[in-house]
Amino acid sequence: MINEISRETMNHRPLHIDMYAVNLKEPINTEVPVVLDGLQALDGEGAMVQQQTREVAVRYLPTNVPESIIHDIANLTVGDVLHARDLTLPTGVTLHTDPEEVICTIMEARTAEPDTEDEPKEPDAEGKE
């Protein structure tokens, strides 16, 4: 497994790659991206998703590597908060991020208030002779 890649400063070509052997029977820790599914359903309801956490720390066997954690948020409503503990993890994967960590919040979408003035106001003519 790759541990670190050293690169040249000017052209970013790899200079050195540090690798380490992985025991396939021992779990490893890493961070995995969180992908939120169902955004289209919330857009239609006038809701907006504010995602605070994009990766979570997990522990798993090297033979069971998840590319990402996909969570469906289509059933959430305005005011709901998705925590790390609410994520559905693949079999054999355990969460190592704080369970109270906020993944996303569903907020009411703000709409710009329409400009009620038909014509712009003229500056006051006071002080002119």
Protein backbone atom coordinates (compact mmCIF):
# COMPACT_ATOMS: atom_id res chain seq x y z
CA MET A 1 0.00 0.00 0.00
CA ILE A 2 1.31 3.51 -0.80
CA ASN A 3 2.17 5.56 2.28
CA GLU A 4 3.71 8.73 0.77
CA ILE A 5 4.79 10.10 -2.61
CA SER A 6 7.67 12.61 -2.79
CA ARG A 7 7.55 14.83 -5.87
CA GLU A 8 9.89 17.25 -7.65
CA THR A 9 9.04 20.86 -6.79
CA MET A 10 9.00 22.25 -10.31
CA ASN A 11 7.31 19.63 -12.47
CA HIS A 12 5.71 17.45 -9.74
CA ARG A 13 7.13 14.21 -11.14
CA PRO A 14 7.44 11.45 -8.54
CA LEU A 15 10.89 11.19 -6.96
CA HIS A 16 10.24 8.52 -4.37
CA ILE A 17 7.32 6.38 -3.25
CA ASP A 18 7.15 4.98 0.30
CA MET A 19 5.22 1.75 0.48
CA TYR A 20 4.40 -0.60 3.30
CA ALA A 21 3.26 -4.19 3.48
CA VAL A 22 -0.29 -4.76 4.66
CA ASN A 23 -1.42 -7.76 6.64
CA LEU A 24 -4.70 -8.75 4.99
CA LYS A 25 -6.04 -10.06 8.30
CA GLU A 26 -5.47 -6.86 10.31
CA PRO A 27 -7.83 -3.85 10.01
CA ILE A 28 -6.46 -0.51 8.83
CA ASN A 29 -7.66 3.07 9.46
CA THR A 30 -8.20 5.62 6.72
CA GLU A 31 -10.48 8.45 5.65
CA VAL A 32 -13.22 7.81 3.09
CA PRO A 33 -15.28 10.44 1.22
CA VAL A 34 -18.97 10.86 2.08
CA VAL A 35 -21.23 11.14 -0.99
CA LEU A 36 -24.73 12.54 -0.47
CA ASP A 37 -27.34 11.07 -2.80
CA GLY A 38 -30.85 12.50 -3.36
CA LEU A 39 -29.95 16.18 -3.69
CA GLN A 40 -32.43 16.61 -6.57
CA ALA A 41 -35.40 15.73 -4.33
CA LEU A 42 -34.41 18.43 -1.83
CA ASP A 43 -33.93 21.07 -4.54
CA GLY A 44 -37.55 20.60 -5.60
CA GLU A 45 -38.74 21.24 -2.03
CA GLY A 46 -36.94 24.57 -1.66
CA ALA A 47 -34.28 23.07 0.61
CA MET A 48 -30.53 23.57 0.54
CA VAL A 49 -27.86 21.15 1.78
CA GLN A 50 -24.92 22.52 3.73
CA GLN A 51 -22.28 19.77 3.92
CA GLN A 52 -19.85 20.33 6.79
CA THR A 53 -17.93 17.04 6.65
CA ARG A 54 -16.77 15.51 3.39
CA GLU A 55 -14.68 12.59 4.77
CA VAL A 56 -15.01 10.26 7.74
CA ALA A 57 -12.42 8.05 9.45
CA VAL A 58 -13.21 4.35 9.16
CA ARG A 59 -11.58 1.02 10.02
CA TYR A 60 -11.77 -2.03 7.77
CA LEU A 61 -9.87 -5.04 6.48
CA PRO A 62 -7.68 -4.30 3.43
CA THR A 63 -9.74 -6.81 1.45
CA ASN A 64 -12.90 -4.75 2.11
CA VAL A 65 -11.84 -1.25 1.00
CA PRO A 66 -14.80 1.14 0.48
CA GLU A 67 -14.27 3.80 -2.21
CA SER A 68 -16.81 6.07 -0.53
CA ILE A 69 -19.76 6.08 1.87
CA ILE A 70 -22.96 6.87 -0.06
CA HIS A 71 -25.92 8.10 1.99
CA ASP A 72 -29.40 8.90 0.64
CA ILE A 73 -30.70 12.22 2.01
CA ALA A 74 -33.87 12.45 -0.13
CA ASN A 75 -36.07 11.71 2.90
CA LEU A 76 -34.62 14.54 5.04
CA THR A 77 -36.54 17.79 5.49
CA VAL A 78 -35.67 21.40 6.37
CA GLY A 79 -34.12 21.53 9.84
CA ASP A 80 -32.81 17.94 9.81
CA VAL A 81 -29.17 17.23 10.67
CA LEU A 82 -27.25 14.17 9.46
CA HIS A 83 -24.61 12.98 11.95
CA ALA A 84 -21.78 10.50 11.36
CA ARG A 85 -23.67 7.94 13.49
CA ASP A 86 -26.54 8.07 10.93
CA LEU A 87 -24.38 6.92 8.00
CA THR A 88 -25.03 3.46 6.60
CA LEU A 89 -21.65 1.73 6.53
CA PRO A 90 -20.77 -1.25 4.33
CA THR A 91 -20.42 -4.64 6.03
CA GLY A 92 -17.10 -4.98 7.84
CA VAL A 93 -16.51 -1.20 8.07
CA THR A 94 -16.61 0.58 11.44
CA LEU A 95 -16.78 4.31 12.08
CA HIS A 96 -13.80 5.98 13.78
CA THR A 97 -15.01 9.57 13.43
CA ASP A 98 -16.86 11.12 16.39
CA PRO A 99 -20.46 9.84 16.04
CA GLU A 100 -21.75 13.35 16.85
CA GLU A 101 -19.81 14.89 13.92
CA VAL A 102 -22.25 16.78 11.69
CA ILE A 103 -22.14 15.58 8.08
CA CYS A 104 -24.77 17.95 6.68
CA THR A 105 -27.64 20.23 7.63
CA ILE A 106 -30.80 20.73 5.57
CA MET A 107 -31.67 24.42 5.42
CA GLU A 108 -34.42 26.45 3.81
CA ALA A 109 -33.21 27.89 0.51
CA ARG A 110 -33.09 31.65 0.54
CA THR A 111 -34.69 33.40 -2.36
CA ALA A 112 -33.79 36.92 -3.34
CA GLU A 113 -36.58 39.37 -2.58
CA PRO A 114 -37.82 41.03 -5.75
CA ASP A 115 -37.08 44.70 -6.17
CA THR A 116 -40.44 46.47 -5.63
CA GLU A 117 -39.37 49.80 -7.11
CA ASP A 118 -40.32 50.34 -10.74
CA GLU A 119 -37.88 53.17 -11.35
CA PRO A 120 -34.79 54.18 -9.43
CA LYS A 121 -35.21 57.20 -7.18
CA GLU A 122 -33.65 60.46 -8.29
CA PRO A 123 -31.31 62.12 -5.81
CA ASP A 124 -32.84 65.01 -3.93
CA ALA A 125 -32.41 68.37 -5.65
CA GLU A 126 -32.05 70.28 -2.39
CA GLY A 127 -29.28 72.80 -2.30
CA LYS A 128 -29.32 73.46 -6.04
CA GLU A 129 -30.16 76.96 -7.27
